[in-house]
Amino acid sequence: MAKIANVSINLDKITKSKLIKGKKGTYLNFNIAVNDEKDQFGNDCSLWENQSKEERDSKTDRNFFGNGKVIWSNEGNVSVSPGAEDIDDGLPF
């Protein structure tokens, strides 16, 4: 199963201490959930920062910083949001 999602990230919500400096840039490890049902805004994807074992064990709230919509699936059962096909993702194809 393949899917493409268009997501938005609120950079102001990212916890700066979770950024990882690497040899080729700065990284953030995060999770993406693709839900079966859409929310009231038509979103079916959510993004949140990875949590440490200690954060998970202490039931610390997840830091959600983005959401989005699945815009393509090879399963053929995606209802594309109005205007989603007109999104300019900067890719040459």
Foldseek 3Di string as FASTA:
>chain_A
DDWDKDKDFQPVLDDVVQWDDDPVGIDFDKDKAAAPDADPVRWRIWIFGDDDPVCVVVVPDTRTGMTTHTQDDPVPPGDHDPPPVVDCPVDPD
